[in-house]
Amino acid sequence: MALLPVKQFHRCVERYGGEHKVKSFSCMDQFLALAFAQLTYRESLRDIEGLPARHATTPLSHGFPLPLVSPQYLANSNEQRDWRIYADFAQTLIAEARALYAHEAFGLALEETVFALDSTVIDLCLALFPWAPYERSKAAVKVHTLLDLRGSIPSYIHISGARTSDVSGSIICPCNPAPSTSWTAAISLQAALRRWPKRLCSRRPAPVPT
């Protein structure tokens, strides 16, 4: 955690007023709780409760100044705080990671950036997510990921309805000039390229304001 660009994080918070009238459980506390939960495979708010107490003496807590996590605080923060704070910060981290792996060899004699485009369906509870119907008894969303193969870094992520086809999702993902892109999950490359607007292949993803 000491390697995090804290100044950039606070700029993202200030940009969207993330800590307006906040007295406790700051945006950084929220980020640390979510990051630690992700790395330790937590699956619910109840599973996150008491993280500092359970892991204070384990190697997992090293480098994590863990806040005292209340499920209610975390749930309210996740619901009320602007998601763009963490989206912008994610782009900052991605840019730093891609710069570190820019010259890493990955088995192909190519100078261009090579992407892999894939998707996965995440099942949801229909009672809690009625806006994402998938089948009669469940809800779901589909996550389209553009992966930079130099370092296996996600360069772009788009969340759509679970019924969105992979080809339709590929049109939304921007790419760098002259990339090599691999479509998985049996996508028709020819059909996708015909529908991929030229303007997306001629520009880089919009930079995050600093």
Protein backbone atom coordinates (compact mmCIF):
# COMPACT_ATOMS: atom_id res chain seq x y z
CA MET A 1 0.00 0.00 0.00
CA ALA A 2 2.98 2.31 0.48
CA LEU A 3 3.39 2.33 -3.32
CA LEU A 4 -0.05 3.80 -3.95
CA PRO A 5 -0.04 7.28 -5.55
CA VAL A 6 -1.89 8.85 -2.62
CA LYS A 7 -1.85 12.37 -4.06
CA GLN A 8 -3.63 11.20 -7.20
CA PHE A 9 -6.17 9.35 -5.08
CA HIS A 10 -6.99 12.49 -3.09
CA ARG A 11 -7.31 14.44 -6.34
CA CYS A 12 -9.92 11.93 -7.51
CA VAL A 13 -11.74 12.30 -4.18
CA GLU A 14 -11.72 16.09 -4.40
CA ARG A 15 -12.80 16.02 -8.04
CA TYR A 16 -16.10 14.34 -7.15
CA GLY A 17 -16.58 15.62 -3.60
CA GLY A 18 -16.19 12.17 -2.11
CA GLU A 19 -15.66 13.34 1.47
CA HIS A 20 -18.18 16.15 1.66
CA LYS A 21 -19.49 16.21 5.26
CA VAL A 22 -17.76 12.90 6.02
CA LYS A 23 -16.68 12.57 9.68
CA SER A 24 -15.47 8.98 9.68
CA PHE A 25 -14.73 6.12 7.27
CA SER A 26 -12.97 8.15 4.60
CA CYS A 27 -12.68 7.24 0.93
CA MET A 28 -9.21 5.84 1.62
CA ASP A 29 -10.68 3.66 4.38
CA GLN A 30 -13.26 2.42 1.90
CA PHE A 31 -10.61 1.71 -0.73
CA LEU A 32 -8.40 -0.19 1.72
CA ALA A 33 -11.33 -2.27 2.96
CA LEU A 34 -12.38 -3.19 -0.57
CA ALA A 35 -8.81 -3.91 -1.71
CA PHE A 36 -8.12 -6.14 1.28
CA ALA A 37 -11.44 -7.93 0.85
CA GLN A 38 -10.62 -8.57 -2.81
CA LEU A 39 -7.16 -9.94 -2.04
CA THR A 40 -8.49 -12.21 0.73
CA TYR A 41 -11.51 -13.46 -1.24
CA ARG A 42 -14.26 -11.97 0.92
CA GLU A 43 -17.70 -12.66 -0.56
CA SER A 44 -20.16 -10.53 1.42
CA LEU A 45 -20.49 -7.53 3.73
CA ARG A 46 -20.81 -9.88 6.69
CA ASP A 47 -17.59 -11.58 5.62
CA ILE A 48 -15.83 -8.20 5.60
CA GLU A 49 -16.96 -7.27 9.10
CA GLY A 50 -14.17 -7.43 11.65
CA LEU A 51 -11.35 -7.67 9.11
CA PRO A 52 -8.81 -5.84 11.31
CA ALA A 53 -9.49 -8.07 14.32
CA ARG A 54 -9.26 -11.31 12.37
CA HIS A 55 -6.11 -10.47 10.42
CA ALA A 56 -4.18 -8.05 12.64
CA THR A 57 -1.50 -10.65 13.41
CA THR A 58 -1.38 -12.44 10.06
CA PRO A 59 0.96 -11.80 7.10
CA LEU A 60 -2.11 -10.75 5.10
CA SER A 61 -2.34 -7.52 7.07
CA HIS A 62 1.25 -6.46 6.38
CA GLY A 63 1.22 -3.20 4.44
CA PHE A 64 -2.51 -2.65 5.05
CA PRO A 65 -3.42 0.02 7.60
CA LEU A 66 -6.80 -1.63 7.97
CA PRO A 67 -9.69 0.53 9.20
CA LEU A 68 -12.36 -0.75 11.56
CA VAL A 69 -14.95 -1.91 9.05
CA SER A 70 -18.66 -1.64 9.75
CA PRO A 71 -20.87 -3.37 7.17
CA GLN A 72 -23.37 -0.53 7.46
CA TYR A 73 -20.73 2.14 6.84
CA LEU A 74 -19.30 0.20 3.92
CA ALA A 75 -22.71 -0.47 2.39
CA ASN A 76 -23.70 3.20 2.67
CA SER A 77 -20.37 4.32 1.21
CA ASN A 78 -20.65 1.91 -1.71
CA GLU A 79 -24.15 3.15 -2.44
CA GLN A 80 -23.71 6.89 -1.95
CA ARG A 81 -20.17 7.76 -2.98
CA ASP A 82 -19.41 8.58 -6.59
CA TRP A 83 -18.09 5.49 -8.35
CA ARG A 84 -16.00 7.71 -10.65
CA ILE A 85 -13.55 8.30 -7.76
CA TYR A 86 -12.39 4.71 -7.99
CA ALA A 87 -12.78 4.48 -11.77
CA ASP A 88 -10.41 7.42 -12.25
CA PHE A 89 -7.99 6.06 -9.68
CA ALA A 90 -8.05 2.66 -11.38
CA GLN A 91 -7.03 4.31 -14.65
CA THR A 92 -4.13 5.98 -12.83
CA LEU A 93 -2.94 2.62 -11.48
CA ILE A 94 -3.39 0.95 -14.87
CA ALA A 95 -1.28 3.65 -16.57
CA GLU A 96 1.51 3.16 -14.04
CA ALA A 97 1.41 -0.63 -14.35
CA ARG A 98 1.45 -0.54 -18.17
CA ALA A 99 4.47 1.76 -18.12
CA LEU A 100 6.33 -0.73 -15.91
CA TYR A 101 5.59 -3.64 -18.27
CA ALA A 102 5.89 -1.73 -21.55
CA HIS A 103 9.08 -3.54 -22.64
CA GLU A 104 8.37 -6.96 -21.19
CA ALA A 105 8.64 -9.86 -23.64
CA PHE A 106 5.63 -12.18 -23.78
CA GLY A 107 6.59 -14.75 -26.41
CA LEU A 108 5.64 -12.91 -29.62
CA ALA A 109 7.98 -10.85 -31.81
CA LEU A 110 5.64 -7.86 -31.98
CA GLU A 111 6.36 -4.25 -31.16
CA GLU A 112 2.69 -3.28 -31.06
CA THR A 113 0.49 -3.55 -28.01
CA VAL A 114 -1.33 -6.87 -27.99
CA PHE A 115 -4.75 -7.15 -26.40
CA ALA A 116 -7.00 -10.05 -25.52
CA LEU A 117 -10.71 -9.26 -25.41
CA ASP A 118 -12.88 -11.57 -23.33
CA SER A 119 -16.03 -11.50 -21.26
CA THR A 120 -17.54 -13.26 -18.28
CA VAL A 121 -21.06 -13.41 -16.83
CA ILE A 122 -21.54 -12.61 -13.14
CA ASP A 123 -24.67 -14.08 -11.59
CA LEU A 124 -26.72 -11.80 -9.31
CA CYS A 125 -29.76 -12.15 -7.07
CA LEU A 126 -32.86 -11.16 -9.03
CA ALA A 127 -34.60 -9.82 -5.91
CA LEU A 128 -31.72 -7.40 -5.24
CA PHE A 129 -30.91 -6.56 -8.87
CA PRO A 130 -34.26 -6.50 -10.73
CA TRP A 131 -32.75 -4.09 -13.28
CA ALA A 132 -30.44 -6.83 -14.60
CA PRO A 133 -32.76 -9.71 -15.61
CA TYR A 134 -31.02 -12.65 -17.27
CA GLU A 135 -33.18 -15.75 -16.85
CA ARG A 136 -36.56 -16.29 -15.30
CA SER A 137 -35.18 -16.83 -11.80
CA LYS A 138 -31.89 -14.89 -11.74
CA ALA A 139 -30.15 -11.71 -12.75
CA ALA A 140 -26.69 -11.22 -14.19
CA VAL A 141 -24.32 -8.75 -15.81
CA LYS A 142 -21.55 -9.33 -18.33
CA VAL A 143 -18.07 -7.89 -17.86
CA HIS A 144 -16.13 -7.18 -21.09
CA THR A 145 -12.39 -6.87 -20.43
CA LEU A 146 -9.67 -5.61 -22.75
CA LEU A 147 -6.46 -7.17 -21.42
CA ASP A 148 -2.98 -5.87 -22.26
CA LEU A 149 -0.92 -9.04 -22.58
CA ARG A 150 2.26 -7.25 -21.52
CA GLY A 151 1.84 -7.87 -17.83
CA SER A 152 -1.76 -9.16 -18.10
CA ILE A 153 -3.13 -5.74 -17.17
CA PRO A 154 -6.82 -4.87 -17.72
CA SER A 155 -6.80 -1.76 -19.90
CA TYR A 156 -10.55 -1.29 -20.21
CA ILE A 157 -13.59 -2.85 -18.56
CA HIS A 158 -17.20 -2.42 -19.62
CA ILE A 159 -20.21 -3.83 -17.76
CA SER A 160 -23.33 -4.55 -19.79
CA GLY A 161 -26.46 -6.64 -19.61
CA ALA A 162 -25.78 -10.37 -19.55
CA ARG A 163 -27.52 -10.83 -22.90
CA THR A 164 -25.11 -8.48 -24.70
CA SER A 165 -23.11 -10.44 -27.26
CA ASP A 166 -19.32 -10.43 -27.19
CA VAL A 167 -19.19 -8.81 -30.63
CA SER A 168 -21.45 -5.96 -29.46
CA GLY A 169 -19.32 -5.54 -26.37
CA SER A 170 -16.14 -5.37 -28.46
CA ILE A 171 -17.43 -2.27 -30.27
CA ILE A 172 -17.53 -0.34 -27.01
CA CYS A 173 -13.94 -1.11 -25.99
CA PRO A 174 -11.39 1.46 -27.23
CA CYS A 175 -7.95 0.39 -28.37
CA ASN A 176 -4.59 1.99 -29.04
CA PRO A 177 -3.45 2.72 -32.61
CA ALA A 178 -2.36 -0.32 -34.61
CA PRO A 179 -2.95 -2.98 -31.97
CA SER A 180 -3.08 -6.71 -32.37
CA THR A 181 -6.24 -7.97 -30.71
CA SER A 182 -7.23 -11.54 -29.91
CA TRP A 183 -10.94 -12.37 -29.62
CA THR A 184 -11.81 -15.30 -27.42
CA ALA A 185 -15.05 -17.18 -26.79
CA ALA A 186 -15.46 -17.93 -30.49
CA ILE A 187 -16.13 -14.33 -31.59
CA SER A 188 -16.23 -13.82 -35.34
CA LEU A 189 -13.21 -11.57 -35.96
CA GLN A 190 -14.35 -10.54 -39.41
CA ALA A 191 -17.81 -9.53 -38.22
CA ALA A 192 -16.38 -7.64 -35.27
CA LEU A 193 -13.90 -5.70 -37.40
CA ARG A 194 -16.63 -4.70 -39.85
CA ARG A 195 -18.66 -3.25 -37.01
CA TRP A 196 -15.77 -1.73 -35.04
CA PRO A 197 -15.90 2.05 -35.73
CA LYS A 198 -12.68 3.38 -37.22
CA ARG A 199 -12.70 6.26 -34.76
CA LEU A 200 -12.13 3.84 -31.86
CA CYS A 201 -9.09 2.30 -33.51
CA SER A 202 -7.51 5.66 -34.23
CA ARG A 203 -7.39 7.06 -30.75
CA ARG A 204 -6.05 6.22 -27.33
CA PRO A 205 -8.36 5.94 -24.32
CA ALA A 206 -9.13 9.35 -22.86
CA PRO A 207 -6.55 10.26 -20.19
CA VAL A 208 -7.70 10.68 -16.61
CA PRO A 209 -7.56 14.34 -15.47
CA THR A 210 -4.81 15.11 -12.96
